Amino acid sequence: MISREQLRQIGQLISNTSLSEEVIAELRGEFPDHHFTYCQDDDVMAAPVYESEGFNLYLVDSSSHCLSFTKDMEVATGVVVAEIEEE
């Protein structure tokens, strides 16, 4: 489960720095019970659960042995941090 407060904290941490692999490593240390993936936003075919300037957050559910995107915070086990590239 990932709470709204955790999403807010994750978003705030990312907003306060430049998005990078180092930030993802920091998130993994801050939230060790959750899986984090970093990619480009145009690689994701789902609706974000958290939107901010420069990035979107998506939830992932791994309960069915296969990863899938979800909007259900109760079953979410991870977060995809997707960077939005400036055009």
N, C-alpha and C. Protein backbone atom coordinates (compact mmCIF):
# COMPACT_ATOMS: atom_id res chain seq x y z
N MET A 1 0.84 -1.18 0.00
CA MET A 1 0.00 0.00 0.00
C MET A 1 0.89 1.25 0.00
N ILE A 2 0.48 2.22 -0.77
CA ILE A 2 1.14 3.51 -0.81
C ILE A 2 0.08 4.57 -0.50
N SER A 3 0.38 5.40 0.48
CA SER A 3 -0.60 6.40 0.90
C SER A 3 -0.46 7.70 0.11
N ARG A 4 -1.49 8.51 0.17
CA ARG A 4 -1.44 9.83 -0.47
C ARG A 4 -0.32 10.67 0.14
N GLU A 5 -0.12 10.54 1.44
CA GLU A 5 0.93 11.28 2.11
C GLU A 5 2.31 10.85 1.59
N GLN A 6 2.49 9.55 1.37
CA GLN A 6 3.76 9.07 0.83
C GLN A 6 3.98 9.62 -0.59
N LEU A 7 2.93 9.62 -1.40
CA LEU A 7 3.05 10.19 -2.75
C LEU A 7 3.43 11.66 -2.68
N ARG A 8 2.83 12.39 -1.75
CA ARG A 8 3.15 13.80 -1.58
C ARG A 8 4.61 13.96 -1.18
N GLN A 9 5.07 13.13 -0.24
CA GLN A 9 6.47 13.19 0.20
C GLN A 9 7.44 12.86 -0.94
N ILE A 10 7.09 11.84 -1.71
CA ILE A 10 7.92 11.45 -2.86
C ILE A 10 7.98 12.60 -3.86
N GLY A 11 6.82 13.16 -4.19
CA GLY A 11 6.77 14.27 -5.12
C GLY A 11 7.55 15.48 -4.63
N GLN A 12 7.44 15.77 -3.35
CA GLN A 12 8.16 16.91 -2.78
C GLN A 12 9.67 16.68 -2.82
N LEU A 13 10.10 15.48 -2.48
CA LEU A 13 11.53 15.18 -2.51
C LEU A 13 12.08 15.36 -3.92
N ILE A 14 11.36 14.87 -4.92
CA ILE A 14 11.81 14.99 -6.31
C ILE A 14 11.80 16.46 -6.73
N SER A 15 10.77 17.20 -6.35
CA SER A 15 10.65 18.61 -6.74
C SER A 15 11.77 19.47 -6.18
N ASN A 16 12.33 19.06 -5.05
CA ASN A 16 13.37 19.85 -4.39
C ASN A 16 14.77 19.60 -4.95
N THR A 17 14.89 18.78 -5.98
CA THR A 17 16.20 18.44 -6.54
C THR A 17 16.06 18.17 -8.03
N SER A 18 17.13 17.87 -8.68
CA SER A 18 17.10 17.48 -10.09
C SER A 18 16.88 15.97 -10.16
N LEU A 19 15.98 15.55 -11.00
CA LEU A 19 15.67 14.13 -11.13
C LEU A 19 16.85 13.38 -11.73
N SER A 20 17.26 12.30 -11.05
CA SER A 20 18.41 11.50 -11.49
C SER A 20 18.35 10.13 -10.83
N GLU A 21 19.26 9.26 -11.23
CA GLU A 21 19.36 7.94 -10.62
C GLU A 21 19.68 8.07 -9.13
N GLU A 22 20.44 9.10 -8.76
CA GLU A 22 20.78 9.33 -7.35
C GLU A 22 19.54 9.63 -6.52
N VAL A 23 18.61 10.38 -7.09
CA VAL A 23 17.36 10.69 -6.39
C VAL A 23 16.54 9.41 -6.21
N ILE A 24 16.53 8.57 -7.22
CA ILE A 24 15.81 7.29 -7.12
C ILE A 24 16.43 6.44 -6.02
N ALA A 25 17.75 6.43 -5.93
CA ALA A 25 18.43 5.69 -4.86
C ALA A 25 18.06 6.26 -3.49
N GLU A 26 17.95 7.57 -3.41
CA GLU A 26 17.53 8.21 -2.15
C GLU A 26 16.10 7.81 -1.79
N LEU A 27 15.22 7.77 -2.78
CA LEU A 27 13.83 7.34 -2.53
C LEU A 27 13.80 5.89 -2.04
N ARG A 28 14.61 5.05 -2.62
CA ARG A 28 14.67 3.64 -2.18
C ARG A 28 15.11 3.54 -0.73
N GLY A 29 16.02 4.42 -0.31
CA GLY A 29 16.45 4.43 1.08
C GLY A 29 15.39 4.98 2.02
N GLU A 30 14.66 5.99 1.57
CA GLU A 30 13.60 6.62 2.38
C GLU A 30 12.37 5.72 2.50
N PHE A 31 12.07 4.98 1.44
CA PHE A 31 10.86 4.14 1.39
C PHE A 31 11.26 2.71 1.02
N PRO A 32 11.93 2.00 1.92
CA PRO A 32 12.47 0.68 1.59
C PRO A 32 11.42 -0.40 1.29
N ASP A 33 10.19 -0.18 1.66
CA ASP A 33 9.14 -1.17 1.41
C ASP A 33 8.54 -1.06 0.01
N HIS A 34 8.97 -0.06 -0.75
CA HIS A 34 8.40 0.18 -2.08
C HIS A 34 9.48 0.09 -3.15
N HIS A 35 9.05 -0.36 -4.31
CA HIS A 35 9.94 -0.47 -5.47
C HIS A 35 9.86 0.84 -6.27
N PHE A 36 10.99 1.34 -6.75
CA PHE A 36 11.02 2.55 -7.56
C PHE A 36 11.68 2.27 -8.90
N THR A 37 11.06 2.79 -9.96
CA THR A 37 11.58 2.69 -11.30
C THR A 37 11.64 4.09 -11.88
N TYR A 38 12.68 4.35 -12.66
CA TYR A 38 12.89 5.66 -13.28
C TYR A 38 12.88 5.50 -14.78
N CYS A 39 12.08 6.31 -15.48
CA CYS A 39 12.03 6.24 -16.93
C CYS A 39 11.58 7.58 -17.49
N GLN A 40 11.42 7.64 -18.78
CA GLN A 40 10.90 8.83 -19.44
C GLN A 40 9.38 8.73 -19.51
N ASP A 41 8.71 9.85 -19.34
CA ASP A 41 7.25 9.84 -19.29
C ASP A 41 6.62 9.34 -20.59
N ASP A 42 7.24 9.62 -21.71
CA ASP A 42 6.64 9.16 -22.97
C ASP A 42 6.76 7.65 -23.17
N ASP A 43 7.46 6.95 -22.26
CA ASP A 43 7.53 5.49 -22.30
C ASP A 43 6.36 4.83 -21.56
N VAL A 44 5.57 5.61 -20.85
CA VAL A 44 4.50 5.07 -20.01
C VAL A 44 3.15 5.22 -20.70
N MET A 45 2.40 4.13 -20.73
CA MET A 45 1.07 4.14 -21.33
C MET A 45 0.01 3.95 -20.24
N ALA A 46 -0.04 4.90 -19.34
CA ALA A 46 -1.01 4.87 -18.23
C ALA A 46 -1.25 6.30 -17.79
N ALA A 47 -2.25 6.48 -16.95
CA ALA A 47 -2.54 7.81 -16.41
C ALA A 47 -1.80 7.99 -15.09
N PRO A 48 -1.13 9.12 -14.91
CA PRO A 48 -0.39 9.34 -13.67
C PRO A 48 -1.33 9.54 -12.47
N VAL A 49 -0.82 9.20 -11.30
CA VAL A 49 -1.57 9.44 -10.06
C VAL A 49 -1.09 10.72 -9.38
N TYR A 50 0.05 11.24 -9.86
CA TYR A 50 0.62 12.47 -9.31
C TYR A 50 1.33 13.17 -10.46
N GLU A 51 0.98 14.43 -10.67
CA GLU A 51 1.60 15.19 -11.74
C GLU A 51 2.31 16.41 -11.17
N SER A 52 3.47 16.69 -11.72
CA SER A 52 4.24 17.85 -11.29
C SER A 52 5.04 18.36 -12.47
N GLU A 53 5.59 19.54 -12.34
CA GLU A 53 6.41 20.08 -13.41
C GLU A 53 7.69 19.25 -13.54
N GLY A 54 7.87 18.65 -14.69
CA GLY A 54 9.08 17.89 -14.95
C GLY A 54 8.98 16.40 -14.72
N PHE A 55 7.93 15.93 -14.05
CA PHE A 55 7.80 14.49 -13.82
C PHE A 55 6.36 14.12 -13.46
N ASN A 56 6.05 12.85 -13.65
CA ASN A 56 4.78 12.25 -13.22
C ASN A 56 5.10 11.01 -12.41
N LEU A 57 4.19 10.67 -11.51
CA LEU A 57 4.31 9.43 -10.73
C LEU A 57 3.18 8.49 -11.11
N TYR A 58 3.52 7.22 -11.24
CA TYR A 58 2.56 6.16 -11.56
C TYR A 58 2.71 5.08 -10.51
N LEU A 59 1.62 4.39 -10.21
CA LEU A 59 1.66 3.30 -9.24
C LEU A 59 1.73 1.96 -9.97
N VAL A 60 2.44 1.03 -9.34
CA VAL A 60 2.61 -0.32 -9.88
C VAL A 60 2.11 -1.33 -8.87
N ASP A 61 1.45 -2.37 -9.38
CA ASP A 61 0.96 -3.49 -8.56
C ASP A 61 1.70 -4.74 -9.01
N SER A 62 2.32 -5.44 -8.08
CA SER A 62 3.04 -6.68 -8.43
C SER A 62 2.41 -7.91 -7.78
N SER A 63 1.18 -7.80 -7.34
CA SER A 63 0.54 -8.90 -6.60
C SER A 63 0.20 -10.10 -7.48
N SER A 64 0.12 -9.93 -8.77
CA SER A 64 -0.27 -11.03 -9.67
C SER A 64 0.91 -11.67 -10.37
N HIS A 65 2.10 -11.58 -9.81
CA HIS A 65 3.33 -12.12 -10.39
C HIS A 65 3.78 -11.37 -11.62
N CYS A 66 2.97 -10.48 -12.13
CA CYS A 66 3.33 -9.62 -13.25
C CYS A 66 3.07 -8.19 -12.83
N LEU A 67 3.97 -7.31 -13.20
CA LEU A 67 3.77 -5.90 -12.88
C LEU A 67 2.70 -5.30 -13.77
N SER A 68 1.88 -4.43 -13.18
CA SER A 68 0.89 -3.71 -13.96
C SER A 68 0.66 -2.35 -13.30
N PHE A 69 0.28 -1.39 -14.12
CA PHE A 69 -0.04 -0.08 -13.57
C PHE A 69 -1.39 -0.15 -12.88
N THR A 70 -1.53 0.65 -11.83
CA THR A 70 -2.78 0.69 -11.09
C THR A 70 -3.01 2.11 -10.57
N LYS A 71 -4.23 2.42 -10.27
CA LYS A 71 -4.56 3.66 -9.57
C LYS A 71 -4.99 3.35 -8.15
N ASP A 72 -5.05 2.06 -7.81
CA ASP A 72 -5.49 1.60 -6.50
C ASP A 72 -4.33 1.63 -5.52
N MET A 73 -4.35 2.61 -4.64
CA MET A 73 -3.25 2.79 -3.69
C MET A 73 -3.17 1.64 -2.69
N GLU A 74 -4.26 0.93 -2.48
CA GLU A 74 -4.28 -0.19 -1.54
C GLU A 74 -3.45 -1.38 -2.02
N VAL A 75 -3.34 -1.56 -3.33
CA VAL A 75 -2.59 -2.71 -3.87
C VAL A 75 -1.24 -2.30 -4.44
N ALA A 76 -0.96 -1.01 -4.48
CA ALA A 76 0.29 -0.54 -5.07
C ALA A 76 1.49 -0.99 -4.26
N THR A 77 2.51 -1.45 -4.96
CA THR A 77 3.74 -1.91 -4.32
C THR A 77 4.95 -1.09 -4.77
N GLY A 78 4.75 -0.26 -5.77
CA GLY A 78 5.87 0.52 -6.28
C GLY A 78 5.43 1.76 -7.00
N VAL A 79 6.43 2.58 -7.32
CA VAL A 79 6.20 3.86 -7.99
C VAL A 79 7.12 3.97 -9.20
N VAL A 80 6.55 4.38 -10.32
CA VAL A 80 7.34 4.71 -11.49
C VAL A 80 7.48 6.23 -11.49
N VAL A 81 8.72 6.68 -11.47
CA VAL A 81 9.02 8.11 -11.57
C VAL A 81 9.37 8.37 -13.02
N ALA A 82 8.51 9.12 -13.71
CA ALA A 82 8.68 9.32 -15.13
C ALA A 82 9.01 10.79 -15.43
N GLU A 83 10.19 10.99 -15.95
CA GLU A 83 10.66 12.35 -16.24
C GLU A 83 10.03 12.86 -17.54
N ILE A 84 9.54 14.09 -17.50
CA ILE A 84 8.99 14.73 -18.68
C ILE A 84 10.09 15.57 -19.31
N GLU A 85 10.46 15.22 -20.52
CA GLU A 85 11.51 15.96 -21.22
C GLU A 85 10.93 17.22 -21.84
N GLU A 86 11.67 18.29 -21.74
CA GLU A 86 11.27 19.52 -22.37
C GLU A 86 11.47 19.39 -23.86
N GLU A 87 10.54 19.94 -24.63
CA GLU A 87 10.63 19.83 -26.09
C GLU A 87 11.43 20.95 -26.68
